[in-house]
N, C-alpha and C. Protein backbone atom coordinates (compact mmCIF):
# COMPACT_ATOMS: atom_id res chain seq x y z
N PHE A 1 130.16 34.82 124.55
CA PHE A 1 130.17 35.64 125.86
C PHE A 1 131.35 36.44 126.18
N VAL A 2 131.26 37.57 126.71
CA VAL A 2 132.62 38.56 127.47
C VAL A 2 131.80 38.91 128.32
N MET A 3 132.74 39.38 129.02
CA MET A 3 132.55 40.03 130.52
C MET A 3 133.39 41.45 130.76
N THR A 4 132.31 42.50 131.41
CA THR A 4 133.55 43.70 131.65
C THR A 4 133.02 44.05 133.16
N ALA A 5 134.17 44.74 133.76
CA ALA A 5 134.10 45.10 135.20
C ALA A 5 133.89 46.51 135.05
N THR A 6 133.34 46.77 136.44
CA THR A 6 132.82 48.12 136.66
C THR A 6 133.41 48.73 137.88
N ASN A 7 133.59 49.96 137.90
CA ASN A 7 134.12 50.38 139.24
C ASN A 7 133.88 51.99 139.17
N ALA A 8 134.13 52.90 140.14
CA ALA A 8 133.64 54.36 140.15
C ALA A 8 134.35 55.19 139.38
N GLY A 9 135.49 54.55 138.70
CA GLY A 9 136.09 54.94 137.28
C GLY A 9 135.69 54.63 136.30
N GLY A 10 134.77 53.79 136.09
CA GLY A 10 134.28 53.30 134.60
C GLY A 10 134.07 51.79 134.22
N THR A 11 133.81 51.56 133.33
CA THR A 11 133.92 50.27 133.43
C THR A 11 135.38 49.63 131.97
N SER A 12 135.66 48.31 132.46
CA SER A 12 136.65 48.02 131.97
C SER A 12 136.56 47.70 130.26
N GLY A 13 137.79 47.19 129.69
CA GLY A 13 137.50 46.54 128.41
C GLY A 13 136.57 45.35 128.70
N LEU A 14 136.33 44.75 126.99
CA LEU A 14 135.97 43.37 127.26
C LEU A 14 137.03 42.47 127.23
N SER A 15 136.53 41.39 128.16
CA SER A 15 137.42 40.31 128.36
C SER A 15 137.27 39.33 127.12
N ASN A 16 138.26 38.29 127.49
CA ASN A 16 138.22 37.16 126.01
C ASN A 16 136.80 36.60 126.24
N GLU A 17 136.84 36.53 125.05
CA GLU A 17 135.37 35.85 124.50
C GLU A 17 135.39 34.13 124.73
N LEU A 18 134.13 33.47 125.18
CA LEU A 18 133.99 31.86 125.29
C LEU A 18 132.48 31.53 124.89
N ASN A 19 132.60 30.72 124.22
CA ASN A 19 131.22 30.16 124.21
C ASN A 19 130.39 28.86 124.45
N ALA A 20 129.48 28.49 124.63
CA ALA A 20 129.02 27.51 124.87
C ALA A 20 127.36 27.52 124.35
N THR A 21 126.97 26.11 124.35
CA THR A 21 125.73 25.94 123.25
C THR A 21 124.74 25.15 124.67
N PRO A 22 123.38 25.60 125.17
CA PRO A 22 122.49 24.87 125.65
C PRO A 22 122.25 23.55 125.62
N ILE A 23 122.18 22.69 125.97
CA ILE A 23 121.69 21.41 125.63
C ILE A 23 120.49 20.71 126.41
N ALA A 24 119.74 20.06 126.14
CA ALA A 24 118.65 19.61 126.73
C ALA A 24 119.12 18.29 127.47
N PRO A 25 118.77 17.84 128.76
CA PRO A 25 118.61 16.53 129.13
C PRO A 25 118.61 15.36 128.37
N PRO A 26 119.19 14.27 128.41
CA PRO A 26 119.29 13.27 127.48
C PRO A 26 117.76 12.54 127.78
N GLN A 27 117.56 12.03 126.52
CA GLN A 27 116.29 10.89 126.78
C GLN A 27 116.38 9.77 127.74
N GLU A 28 115.62 9.22 128.40
CA GLU A 28 115.62 8.10 129.59
C GLU A 28 116.15 6.95 128.71
N PRO A 29 116.77 6.21 129.27
CA PRO A 29 116.97 4.95 128.54
C PRO A 29 116.08 3.77 128.63
N VAL A 30 116.47 2.59 128.07
CA VAL A 30 115.28 1.31 128.01
C VAL A 30 116.50 0.51 128.50
N LEU A 31 115.71 0.08 129.79
CA LEU A 31 116.11 -0.98 130.72
C LEU A 31 115.55 -2.19 130.28
N SER A 32 116.72 -2.97 129.24
CA SER A 32 116.38 -4.17 128.71
C SER A 32 116.34 -5.44 129.64
N VAL A 33 117.05 -5.32 130.17
CA VAL A 33 117.54 -7.01 130.97
C VAL A 33 117.85 -6.71 132.53
N VAL A 34 116.96 -7.70 133.63
CA VAL A 34 117.72 -7.65 134.81
C VAL A 34 117.94 -9.24 135.31
N ASN A 35 118.99 -9.68 135.16
CA ASN A 35 119.37 -10.82 135.39
C ASN A 35 119.54 -11.27 137.07
N PRO A 36 118.93 -12.12 137.95
CA PRO A 36 119.09 -12.45 138.75
C PRO A 36 120.31 -13.27 139.36
N GLY A 37 121.09 -13.14 140.11
CA GLY A 37 122.17 -13.85 140.42
C GLY A 37 122.15 -14.47 142.04
N ASN A 38 123.08 -15.12 142.48
CA ASN A 38 123.73 -15.05 143.99
C ASN A 38 123.75 -13.98 144.80
N SER A 39 122.69 -13.30 145.43
CA SER A 39 122.65 -12.15 146.14
C SER A 39 123.29 -10.71 145.27
N GLN A 40 122.87 -10.92 143.96
CA GLN A 40 122.88 -9.92 142.86
C GLN A 40 121.94 -9.96 142.09
N VAL A 41 122.16 -8.95 140.94
CA VAL A 41 121.27 -8.52 140.09
C VAL A 41 122.04 -7.59 138.94
N THR A 42 122.04 -8.25 137.70
CA THR A 42 122.65 -7.72 136.66
C THR A 42 121.78 -6.79 135.65
N LEU A 43 122.06 -5.76 135.71
CA LEU A 43 121.43 -4.80 135.00
C LEU A 43 122.10 -4.56 133.34
N LEU A 44 121.25 -4.54 132.24
CA LEU A 44 121.68 -3.96 131.25
C LEU A 44 120.64 -3.41 130.41
N TRP A 45 121.08 -1.86 129.73
CA TRP A 45 120.32 -0.77 129.49
C TRP A 45 120.80 -0.56 127.92
N THR A 46 120.10 0.24 127.26
CA THR A 46 120.29 0.61 125.78
C THR A 46 120.95 2.30 126.17
N ALA A 47 122.43 2.44 125.38
CA ALA A 47 122.90 3.50 125.29
C ALA A 47 121.93 4.55 124.89
N VAL A 48 122.02 5.95 125.48
CA VAL A 48 121.03 6.93 124.94
C VAL A 48 122.27 7.74 123.98
N SER A 49 122.00 8.59 123.01
CA SER A 49 122.64 9.30 122.34
C SER A 49 122.99 10.69 123.13
N GLY A 50 124.01 10.96 123.30
CA GLY A 50 124.29 12.36 123.73
C GLY A 50 124.85 12.06 125.44
N ALA A 51 124.42 11.05 126.15
CA ALA A 51 124.31 10.65 127.59
C ALA A 51 126.09 10.79 128.18
N THR A 52 126.46 11.49 128.78
CA THR A 52 127.72 11.27 129.08
C THR A 52 128.24 10.39 130.42
N GLY A 53 126.91 10.16 131.12
CA GLY A 53 126.75 8.68 132.46
C GLY A 53 125.37 8.31 132.55
N TYR A 54 125.49 7.27 133.54
CA TYR A 54 124.33 6.39 133.86
C TYR A 54 124.22 6.33 135.42
N SER A 55 122.96 6.49 135.74
CA SER A 55 122.85 6.10 137.16
C SER A 55 121.57 4.97 137.46
N PHE A 56 121.64 4.39 138.72
CA PHE A 56 120.37 3.24 138.42
C PHE A 56 119.91 3.64 139.93
N LYS A 57 118.59 3.29 140.26
CA LYS A 57 117.77 3.33 141.56
C LYS A 57 117.01 2.08 141.83
N TYR A 58 117.20 1.44 142.97
CA TYR A 58 116.47 0.38 143.14
C TYR A 58 115.59 0.55 144.64
N GLY A 59 114.95 -0.44 145.09
CA GLY A 59 113.90 -0.70 145.92
C GLY A 59 113.06 -1.66 146.01
N THR A 60 112.52 -2.12 147.68
CA THR A 60 111.89 -3.09 146.75
C THR A 60 110.12 -2.97 147.13
N ALA A 61 109.89 -1.79 146.54
CA ALA A 61 108.22 -1.46 146.34
C ALA A 61 108.50 -0.91 144.92
N SER A 62 107.52 -1.05 144.38
CA SER A 62 107.44 -0.50 142.84
C SER A 62 107.55 0.87 142.75
N GLY A 63 108.14 1.90 142.33
CA GLY A 63 108.15 2.88 142.10
C GLY A 63 108.96 3.68 143.53
N VAL A 64 109.11 3.00 143.89
CA VAL A 64 109.91 3.77 145.53
C VAL A 64 111.28 3.14 145.59
N TYR A 65 112.45 4.35 145.19
CA TYR A 65 113.80 3.91 144.92
C TYR A 65 114.68 4.65 146.13
N GLY A 66 115.65 4.05 146.02
CA GLY A 66 116.76 4.73 147.07
C GLY A 66 117.21 5.79 146.24
N THR A 67 118.67 5.95 146.84
CA THR A 67 119.32 6.95 146.36
C THR A 67 119.89 6.69 144.87
N ALA A 68 120.41 7.60 144.15
CA ALA A 68 120.68 6.84 142.75
C ALA A 68 122.25 6.59 142.98
N VAL A 69 122.57 5.54 142.25
CA VAL A 69 124.35 4.88 142.32
C VAL A 69 125.09 5.69 140.68
N ASP A 70 125.68 6.42 140.70
CA ASP A 70 126.25 6.53 139.39
C ASP A 70 127.41 5.72 139.11
N VAL A 71 127.08 4.95 137.93
CA VAL A 71 128.12 4.12 137.23
C VAL A 71 128.96 4.82 136.28
N GLY A 72 128.99 5.68 136.06
CA GLY A 72 129.44 6.15 134.86
C GLY A 72 129.02 5.88 133.77
N ASN A 73 130.30 6.18 132.55
CA ASN A 73 129.34 5.88 131.25
C ASN A 73 129.37 4.24 130.29
N LEU A 74 128.82 3.70 131.04
CA LEU A 74 128.53 1.96 131.19
C LEU A 74 127.15 1.50 130.87
N THR A 75 126.74 0.53 130.17
CA THR A 75 125.22 0.18 129.64
C THR A 75 125.07 -1.24 130.38
N SER A 76 126.04 -1.65 131.36
CA SER A 76 125.54 -2.63 132.11
C SER A 76 125.92 -2.13 133.58
N TYR A 77 125.42 -3.02 134.57
CA TYR A 77 126.03 -3.15 135.97
C TYR A 77 125.62 -4.07 136.82
N ILE A 78 126.62 -4.86 137.67
CA ILE A 78 126.25 -5.63 138.91
C ILE A 78 125.70 -5.17 139.96
N VAL A 79 124.38 -4.97 140.56
CA VAL A 79 124.43 -4.74 141.64
C VAL A 79 124.40 -5.77 143.23
N PRO A 80 125.63 -5.64 143.68
CA PRO A 80 126.03 -6.66 144.81
C PRO A 80 125.08 -6.29 146.00
N GLY A 81 125.20 -7.45 147.12
CA GLY A 81 124.94 -7.09 148.29
C GLY A 81 123.29 -7.50 148.45
N LEU A 82 122.56 -7.92 147.83
CA LEU A 82 121.46 -7.97 147.74
C LEU A 82 120.84 -9.42 148.73
N SER A 83 119.51 -9.30 149.10
CA SER A 83 118.82 -10.24 149.54
C SER A 83 118.21 -11.60 148.63
N ASN A 84 118.84 -12.62 148.84
CA ASN A 84 118.26 -13.84 148.20
C ASN A 84 116.48 -13.89 148.66
N GLY A 85 115.81 -14.05 147.63
CA GLY A 85 114.47 -14.35 147.61
C GLY A 85 113.72 -12.78 148.12
N THR A 86 114.54 -11.95 148.03
CA THR A 86 113.47 -10.29 147.79
C THR A 86 113.66 -10.12 146.43
N LEU A 87 112.26 -9.42 146.40
CA LEU A 87 112.09 -8.88 145.00
C LEU A 87 112.35 -7.39 144.91
N TYR A 88 113.38 -7.09 144.14
CA TYR A 88 113.85 -5.66 143.80
C TYR A 88 113.40 -4.88 142.50
N TYR A 89 112.80 -3.70 142.53
CA TYR A 89 112.38 -2.87 141.60
C TYR A 89 113.58 -2.02 141.19
N PHE A 90 113.91 -1.82 139.74
CA PHE A 90 114.97 -0.97 138.88
C PHE A 90 114.62 -0.24 138.16
N VAL A 91 115.38 0.88 137.88
CA VAL A 91 115.07 2.27 136.59
C VAL A 91 116.58 2.47 136.92
N VAL A 92 116.66 3.18 135.57
CA VAL A 92 118.02 3.98 135.03
C VAL A 92 117.97 4.99 134.66
N THR A 93 118.64 6.06 134.46
CA THR A 93 118.58 7.35 134.13
C THR A 93 120.01 7.78 133.58
N ALA A 94 119.92 8.73 132.58
CA ALA A 94 121.34 9.20 131.90
C ALA A 94 121.02 10.14 131.93
N THR A 95 123.01 11.26 132.04
CA THR A 95 122.93 12.42 132.51
C THR A 95 123.78 12.82 131.26
N ASN A 96 123.68 14.09 131.14
CA ASN A 96 124.76 15.04 130.30
C ASN A 96 124.52 16.11 131.14
N ALA A 97 125.33 17.24 130.13
CA ALA A 97 125.85 18.71 130.86
C ALA A 97 124.14 19.27 131.30
N GLY A 98 123.18 18.95 130.46
CA GLY A 98 122.06 19.26 130.24
C GLY A 98 120.97 18.99 131.51
N GLY A 99 121.44 17.60 132.10
CA GLY A 99 120.85 17.30 133.40
C GLY A 99 120.48 16.07 133.42
N ILE A 100 119.30 15.16 134.28
CA ILE A 100 119.30 14.00 133.99
C ILE A 100 117.94 13.77 133.60
N SER A 101 118.03 12.60 132.96
CA SER A 101 116.87 12.04 132.34
C SER A 101 115.80 11.73 133.16
N LEU A 102 114.26 11.40 132.38
CA LEU A 102 113.68 10.73 133.24
C LEU A 102 113.91 9.17 133.30
N ASN A 103 113.11 8.70 134.52
CA ASN A 103 113.48 7.16 134.66
C ASN A 103 112.95 6.41 133.41
N SER A 104 113.80 5.40 133.10
CA SER A 104 113.79 4.31 132.47
C SER A 104 112.43 3.67 132.81
N ASN A 105 111.70 2.76 131.82
CA ASN A 105 111.06 1.88 132.45
C ASN A 105 111.68 0.92 133.74
N GLU A 106 110.62 0.34 134.34
CA GLU A 106 111.10 -0.40 135.69
C GLU A 106 110.72 -1.82 135.49
N LEU A 107 112.23 -2.43 135.69
CA LEU A 107 112.27 -4.04 135.74
C LEU A 107 112.20 -4.86 137.37
N SER A 108 111.91 -5.79 137.21
CA SER A 108 112.28 -6.22 138.64
C SER A 108 112.76 -7.55 138.63
N ALA A 109 113.10 -8.04 139.65
CA ALA A 109 114.13 -9.54 139.99
C ALA A 109 114.16 -9.88 141.34
N ALA A 110 114.26 -11.26 141.72
CA ALA A 110 114.62 -11.79 143.34
C ALA A 110 116.05 -12.14 143.11
N PRO A 111 117.02 -12.02 143.56
CA PRO A 111 118.20 -13.09 143.49
C PRO A 111 117.92 -13.85 144.40
N VAL A 112 118.48 -15.14 143.73
CA VAL A 112 118.67 -16.63 144.30
C VAL A 112 119.47 -17.20 144.73
N GLU A 113 119.96 -17.94 145.53
CA GLU A 113 120.71 -18.85 146.21
C GLU A 113 121.28 -19.58 145.15
N PRO A 114 122.29 -20.59 145.11
CA PRO A 114 122.47 -21.77 144.10
C PRO A 114 122.03 -22.80 145.04
N PRO A 115 121.70 -23.79 143.91
CA PRO A 115 120.67 -24.74 144.21
C PRO A 115 121.69 -25.96 144.97
N ILE A 116 121.03 -26.78 146.00
CA ILE A 116 121.88 -27.46 146.58
C ILE A 116 122.45 -28.60 145.91
N ALA A 117 123.24 -29.63 146.61
CA ALA A 117 123.85 -30.53 145.63
C ALA A 117 122.94 -31.73 145.51
N PRO A 118 122.91 -32.31 144.17
CA PRO A 118 122.13 -33.31 143.76
C PRO A 118 122.65 -34.69 144.53
N VAL A 119 121.66 -35.93 144.47
CA VAL A 119 122.16 -37.11 145.16
C VAL A 119 122.64 -37.91 143.73
N LEU A 120 123.71 -38.74 143.28
CA LEU A 120 123.93 -39.46 142.31
C LEU A 120 123.42 -40.96 142.70
N ASN A 121 122.41 -41.17 142.08
CA ASN A 121 121.77 -42.62 142.85
C ASN A 121 122.61 -43.99 142.16
N THR A 122 122.70 -43.85 140.82
CA THR A 122 123.52 -45.21 140.23
C THR A 122 124.19 -44.56 139.13
N ALA A 123 125.34 -45.22 138.75
CA ALA A 123 126.40 -45.39 137.93
C ALA A 123 126.32 -46.82 136.91
N THR A 124 125.70 -46.99 136.09
CA THR A 124 125.41 -48.64 135.43
C THR A 124 126.50 -48.69 134.32
N ALA A 125 127.32 -49.72 134.70
CA ALA A 125 127.95 -49.72 133.23
C ALA A 125 127.40 -50.47 132.35
N GLY A 126 128.07 -50.22 131.10
CA GLY A 126 127.47 -51.07 129.82
C GLY A 126 128.86 -50.87 128.61
N ASN A 127 128.16 -51.24 127.48
CA ASN A 127 129.44 -51.22 126.48
C ASN A 127 129.83 -49.94 126.43
N ALA A 128 131.42 -49.58 126.66
CA ALA A 128 131.67 -48.04 126.47
C ALA A 128 130.92 -46.96 126.79
N GLN A 129 129.73 -47.32 127.99
CA GLN A 129 129.09 -46.43 128.55
C GLN A 129 128.74 -46.50 129.68
N ILE A 130 128.25 -45.35 130.43
CA ILE A 130 127.67 -45.61 131.70
C ILE A 130 126.61 -44.73 131.70
N VAL A 131 125.52 -45.22 132.57
CA VAL A 131 124.04 -44.80 132.45
C VAL A 131 124.26 -44.06 133.92
N LEU A 132 123.98 -42.92 134.26
CA LEU A 132 123.80 -42.25 135.51
C LEU A 132 122.36 -41.79 135.52
N THR A 133 121.98 -41.91 136.51
CA THR A 133 120.55 -41.17 137.21
C THR A 133 121.06 -40.81 138.55
N TRP A 134 120.27 -39.56 138.88
CA TRP A 134 120.43 -38.98 140.19
C TRP A 134 118.62 -37.83 140.44
N THR A 135 118.93 -37.57 141.45
CA THR A 135 117.71 -36.89 141.98
C THR A 135 117.48 -35.49 141.58
N ALA A 136 116.31 -34.88 141.27
CA ALA A 136 115.71 -33.50 140.87
C ALA A 136 116.18 -32.51 142.47
N VAL A 137 116.68 -31.45 141.69
CA VAL A 137 116.89 -30.74 142.85
C VAL A 137 115.87 -29.33 142.88
N PRO A 138 115.24 -28.79 144.20
CA PRO A 138 114.36 -27.76 143.76
C PRO A 138 114.89 -26.47 143.41
N GLY A 139 114.37 -26.24 142.19
CA GLY A 139 114.78 -24.85 141.78
C GLY A 139 116.12 -25.25 140.92
N ALA A 140 116.40 -26.19 140.58
CA ALA A 140 117.37 -26.21 139.54
C ALA A 140 117.04 -26.06 138.12
N ILE A 141 117.72 -25.61 137.06
CA ILE A 141 117.06 -25.45 136.06
C ILE A 141 117.98 -26.46 134.79
N SER A 142 119.28 -26.93 135.47
CA SER A 142 120.20 -27.57 134.66
C SER A 142 121.24 -28.14 135.55
N TYR A 143 121.61 -29.44 134.86
CA TYR A 143 122.38 -30.03 135.48
C TYR A 143 123.69 -30.62 134.63
N SER A 144 124.73 -30.59 135.36
CA SER A 144 126.02 -30.85 134.25
C SER A 144 126.61 -32.32 135.14
N VAL A 145 127.36 -32.92 134.02
CA VAL A 145 127.97 -34.34 134.74
C VAL A 145 129.67 -34.13 134.72
N HIS A 146 130.11 -34.37 135.65
CA HIS A 146 131.50 -34.22 135.88
C HIS A 146 131.95 -35.60 135.93
N TYR A 147 133.25 -35.89 135.23
CA TYR A 147 133.64 -37.41 135.42
C TYR A 147 135.24 -37.39 134.96
N GLY A 148 135.79 -38.35 135.31
CA GLY A 148 137.39 -38.53 135.09
C GLY A 148 137.73 -40.00 135.63
N THR A 149 139.17 -40.27 135.64
CA THR A 149 139.90 -41.80 135.62
C THR A 149 140.38 -41.58 136.99
N ALA A 150 140.27 -40.82 137.72
CA ALA A 150 140.98 -40.50 138.84
C ALA A 150 139.90 -39.81 140.19
N SER A 151 139.81 -40.60 141.34
CA SER A 151 138.53 -40.31 142.08
C SER A 151 139.02 -38.63 142.54
N GLY A 152 137.91 -38.05 142.39
CA GLY A 152 137.54 -36.47 142.77
C GLY A 152 138.21 -35.83 141.88
N VAL A 153 138.87 -36.22 140.62
CA VAL A 153 139.46 -35.28 139.30
C VAL A 153 138.81 -35.67 138.30
N TYR A 154 138.20 -34.25 138.06
CA TYR A 154 137.13 -34.47 136.69
C TYR A 154 137.37 -33.41 135.65
N GLY A 155 137.23 -33.97 134.23
CA GLY A 155 137.55 -33.03 133.26
C GLY A 155 136.40 -32.02 133.14
N PRO A 156 136.04 -30.91 131.78
CA PRO A 156 135.19 -30.14 131.80
C PRO A 156 133.94 -30.58 132.12
N PRO A 157 132.85 -30.19 132.70
CA PRO A 157 131.68 -30.51 132.74
C PRO A 157 130.75 -30.89 131.83
N VAL A 158 130.05 -31.65 131.65
CA VAL A 158 129.17 -31.67 129.99
C VAL A 158 127.58 -31.43 130.88
N ILE A 159 126.82 -30.61 130.30
CA ILE A 159 125.57 -29.70 130.62
C ILE A 159 124.65 -30.77 129.98
N VAL A 160 123.67 -30.99 130.52
CA VAL A 160 122.90 -32.21 130.21
C VAL A 160 121.39 -31.66 130.03
N GLY A 161 121.47 -30.54 130.38
CA GLY A 161 120.15 -29.79 130.22
C GLY A 161 118.88 -30.26 131.91
N ASN A 162 117.93 -29.63 131.50
CA ASN A 162 116.97 -30.13 132.97
C ASN A 162 116.47 -31.65 132.74
N ALA A 163 117.67 -32.84 133.30
CA ALA A 163 117.32 -34.09 132.80
C ALA A 163 117.61 -34.60 134.22
N THR A 164 117.47 -36.05 134.87
CA THR A 164 117.81 -36.33 136.05
C THR A 164 118.21 -38.37 135.78
N SER A 165 118.83 -38.07 134.38
CA SER A 165 120.04 -39.21 133.80
C SER A 165 120.30 -39.10 132.44
N TYR A 166 121.48 -39.35 132.14
CA TYR A 166 122.22 -39.19 131.32
C TYR A 166 123.04 -40.29 131.10
N THR A 167 123.42 -40.82 129.77
CA THR A 167 124.24 -41.99 129.39
C THR A 167 125.72 -41.02 128.52
N VAL A 168 126.79 -41.60 129.51
CA VAL A 168 127.91 -41.05 129.14
C VAL A 168 128.80 -41.95 128.01
N THR A 169 129.16 -41.69 126.89
CA THR A 169 129.36 -42.55 125.89
C THR A 169 130.58 -42.64 125.72
N GLY A 170 131.25 -43.16 124.65
CA GLY A 170 132.69 -42.99 124.04
C GLY A 170 133.79 -43.57 125.34
N LEU A 171 133.21 -44.02 126.19
CA LEU A 171 134.19 -44.51 126.95
C LEU A 171 135.16 -45.69 127.13
N ALA A 172 136.34 -45.73 127.55
CA ALA A 172 137.11 -46.92 127.36
C ALA A 172 136.78 -48.36 128.12
N ASN A 173 136.47 -49.70 127.57
CA ASN A 173 135.91 -50.30 128.28
C ASN A 173 137.16 -51.12 129.29
N GLY A 174 136.94 -51.18 130.43
CA GLY A 174 138.23 -51.87 131.06
C GLY A 174 138.39 -50.94 132.35
N THR A 175 138.37 -49.34 131.95
CA THR A 175 138.46 -48.21 132.43
C THR A 175 137.77 -48.23 133.56
N GLU A 176 138.01 -47.37 134.92
CA GLU A 176 137.14 -47.31 136.00
C GLU A 176 137.04 -45.64 135.72
N TYR A 177 135.81 -45.24 135.72
CA TYR A 177 135.68 -43.98 136.03
C TYR A 177 134.58 -43.32 137.12
N TYR A 178 135.07 -42.16 137.45
CA TYR A 178 134.45 -41.60 138.73
C TYR A 178 133.48 -40.44 138.35
N PHE A 179 132.04 -40.35 139.11
CA PHE A 179 131.65 -39.41 138.43
C PHE A 179 130.76 -38.29 139.50
N ALA A 180 130.55 -37.44 139.29
CA ALA A 180 129.64 -36.48 140.06
C ALA A 180 128.96 -35.61 139.25
N ILE A 181 127.95 -35.12 139.78
CA ILE A 181 126.69 -34.12 139.31
C ILE A 181 126.66 -32.86 139.98
N THR A 182 126.41 -31.55 139.23
CA THR A 182 126.13 -30.51 139.78
C THR A 182 124.88 -29.80 139.27
N ALA A 183 124.28 -29.24 140.22
CA ALA A 183 122.72 -28.61 139.63
C ALA A 183 123.22 -26.93 139.40
N THR A 184 122.58 -26.40 138.31
CA THR A 184 122.72 -25.16 138.46
C THR A 184 121.11 -24.29 138.53
N ASN A 185 121.32 -22.85 138.64
CA ASN A 185 119.92 -22.14 138.68
C ASN A 185 120.58 -20.62 138.31
N ALA A 186 119.65 -19.67 138.30
CA ALA A 186 120.37 -18.24 138.17
C ALA A 186 121.04 -18.22 139.22
N GLY A 187 121.58 -18.49 140.38
CA GLY A 187 122.50 -18.16 141.66
C GLY A 187 123.72 -18.73 141.33
N GLY A 188 124.02 -19.52 140.39
CA GLY A 188 125.10 -20.11 140.33
C GLY A 188 124.89 -21.70 140.32
N ILE A 189 126.30 -22.49 140.34
CA ILE A 189 126.26 -23.77 140.53
C ILE A 189 126.28 -24.44 141.67
N SER A 190 125.86 -25.59 141.99
CA SER A 190 125.80 -26.17 143.41
C SER A 190 127.17 -26.94 143.85
N PRO A 191 127.45 -27.51 144.85
CA PRO A 191 128.44 -28.15 144.99
C PRO A 191 128.32 -29.34 144.54
N ASN A 192 129.37 -30.47 144.35
CA ASN A 192 129.48 -31.37 143.83
C ASN A 192 128.41 -32.43 144.23
N SER A 193 127.93 -33.68 143.84
CA SER A 193 127.25 -34.53 144.34
C SER A 193 127.99 -35.73 145.10
N ASN A 194 127.56 -36.42 145.75
CA ASN A 194 128.44 -37.68 145.92
C ASN A 194 128.95 -38.23 144.78
N GLN A 195 130.04 -39.01 145.24
CA GLN A 195 130.80 -39.77 143.71
C GLN A 195 130.58 -40.80 143.74
N LEU A 196 130.41 -41.49 142.62
CA LEU A 196 130.09 -42.87 142.27
C LEU A 196 130.86 -43.52 141.12
N ASN A 197 131.36 -44.89 141.12
CA ASN A 197 132.57 -45.47 140.01
C ASN A 197 131.87 -46.43 139.32
N ALA A 198 132.25 -46.25 137.98
CA ALA A 198 132.01 -47.61 137.43
C ALA A 198 133.04 -48.37 136.39
N THR A 199 133.00 -49.46 135.67
CA THR A 199 134.10 -49.93 134.63
C THR A 199 133.12 -49.94 133.63
N PRO A 200 133.11 -49.52 132.27
CA PRO A 200 132.11 -50.10 131.32
C PRO A 200 133.19 -51.39 130.74
N ILE A 201 132.29 -52.31 130.28
CA ILE A 201 132.54 -53.48 129.95
C ILE A 201 131.94 -53.87 128.36
N ALA A 202 133.00 -54.52 127.64
CA ALA A 202 132.57 -55.04 126.38
C ALA A 202 131.89 -56.20 126.56
N PRO A 203 130.77 -56.57 125.87
CA PRO A 203 129.93 -57.66 125.43
C PRO A 203 130.87 -58.79 125.43
N PRO A 204 130.28 -60.17 126.19
CA PRO A 204 130.98 -61.22 126.06
C PRO A 204 131.30 -61.92 124.78
N ALA A 205 132.29 -62.88 124.70
CA ALA A 205 132.72 -63.55 123.40
C ALA A 205 131.73 -64.27 123.38
N ALA A 206 131.20 -64.74 121.78
CA ALA A 206 130.44 -66.02 121.60
C ALA A 206 130.48 -67.11 122.08
N PRO A 207 129.44 -67.85 122.76
CA PRO A 207 129.65 -69.12 123.46
C PRO A 207 129.92 -70.62 122.01
N ILE A 208 130.38 -71.53 122.31
CA ILE A 208 130.76 -72.52 121.45
C ILE A 208 129.64 -73.31 121.75
N LEU A 209 128.69 -73.43 120.83
CA LEU A 209 127.30 -74.76 121.38
C LEU A 209 128.09 -75.87 120.86
N ASN A 210 128.19 -76.80 122.10
CA ASN A 210 128.78 -78.02 121.75
C ASN A 210 127.73 -79.03 121.08
N THR A 211 126.82 -79.12 121.64
CA THR A 211 125.77 -80.35 121.27
C THR A 211 124.31 -79.99 121.36
N ALA A 212 123.51 -80.57 120.64
CA ALA A 212 122.11 -80.17 120.42
C ALA A 212 121.28 -81.52 120.30
N ILE A 213 120.95 -81.83 121.32
CA ILE A 213 120.68 -83.42 121.33
C ILE A 213 119.14 -83.57 121.24
N ALA A 214 118.41 -84.29 120.28
CA ALA A 214 117.34 -84.61 120.28
C ALA A 214 116.37 -85.50 121.12
N GLY A 215 115.47 -84.76 121.93
CA GLY A 215 114.43 -86.03 122.45
C GLY A 215 112.89 -85.84 122.14
N ASN A 216 112.37 -86.20 123.11
CA ASN A 216 110.40 -86.70 122.84
C ASN A 216 109.88 -84.90 122.91
N ALA A 217 109.94 -83.80 122.07
CA ALA A 217 109.16 -82.56 121.94
C ALA A 217 110.49 -81.74 122.51
N GLN A 218 111.65 -82.00 122.90
CA GLN A 218 112.62 -81.26 123.44
C GLN A 218 114.29 -81.47 122.44
N VAL A 219 114.83 -80.48 122.76
CA VAL A 219 116.20 -80.79 122.47
C VAL A 219 117.04 -80.23 123.59
N VAL A 220 118.33 -81.15 123.91
CA VAL A 220 118.94 -80.67 125.04
C VAL A 220 120.08 -79.89 124.53
N LEU A 221 120.65 -78.73 124.80
CA LEU A 221 121.76 -77.94 124.39
C LEU A 221 122.78 -78.07 125.60
N ASN A 222 124.09 -78.04 125.21
CA ASN A 222 125.14 -77.88 125.90
C ASN A 222 126.09 -76.77 125.32
N TRP A 223 127.09 -76.13 125.84
CA TRP A 223 127.63 -75.22 125.36
C TRP A 223 128.81 -75.04 126.62
N GLY A 224 129.91 -74.54 125.87
CA GLY A 224 131.21 -74.34 126.82
C GLY A 224 130.68 -72.87 127.85
N PRO A 225 131.57 -72.38 128.74
CA PRO A 225 131.17 -71.31 129.48
C PRO A 225 132.10 -70.31 128.63
N VAL A 226 131.74 -68.70 128.92
CA VAL A 226 132.33 -67.40 128.21
C VAL A 226 132.80 -66.86 129.47
N THR A 227 134.39 -66.71 129.36
CA THR A 227 134.56 -65.71 130.28
C THR A 227 133.95 -64.14 130.42
N GLY A 228 133.39 -63.98 132.00
CA GLY A 228 132.77 -62.88 131.78
C GLY A 228 131.11 -62.98 131.78
N ALA A 229 130.61 -63.58 131.62
CA ALA A 229 129.34 -63.83 131.21
C ALA A 229 128.82 -64.03 132.52
N THR A 230 127.63 -63.28 132.51
CA THR A 230 126.66 -63.46 133.81
C THR A 230 125.22 -64.17 133.64
């Protein structure tokens, strides 16, 4: 391209030359993942060749969206400030110098609150282990065990899946341990359960059988007591 200017005196010389290539708008992205969280939803989509930016739109009815939100040249975004329990519908568009793409496919998700704390019912001591049982929590998809040797001070959690009991092994006999449970769902992690404590204990020593006295169709046994035997 060049430009000229004109007045009553005539036409100017040519301007400097510049060039540009027209470009079509990009293809629409593919919205691949919509993960609900606590008052938020995480969106993931595929990159589109030639796109210089992306926007998403959402609403509470399929195909009915609010104003587009520009997120720059990203392929993921966390949408905050949503209402837990409300189903939202999402689409993504791509942008370049040629314009805005068509809408992506639509996906939906409902944000969810973290679960309430479980109730830890029992912590039963065994040989170098403790067996824990707890109540199921509505909406929980997994549980974790927290424990340590001081009240309220726990090591890294042990994820045990969607179970309501777990045997903690490899503990030191004679050491008191403190336990709590948390529940997890898409919204996050619950507060800790109530705390219980227990002390693993080794099996007792072998008794000494002192006598075995025969009688009529019977034998009378006598042995010495063993410390700690119940």
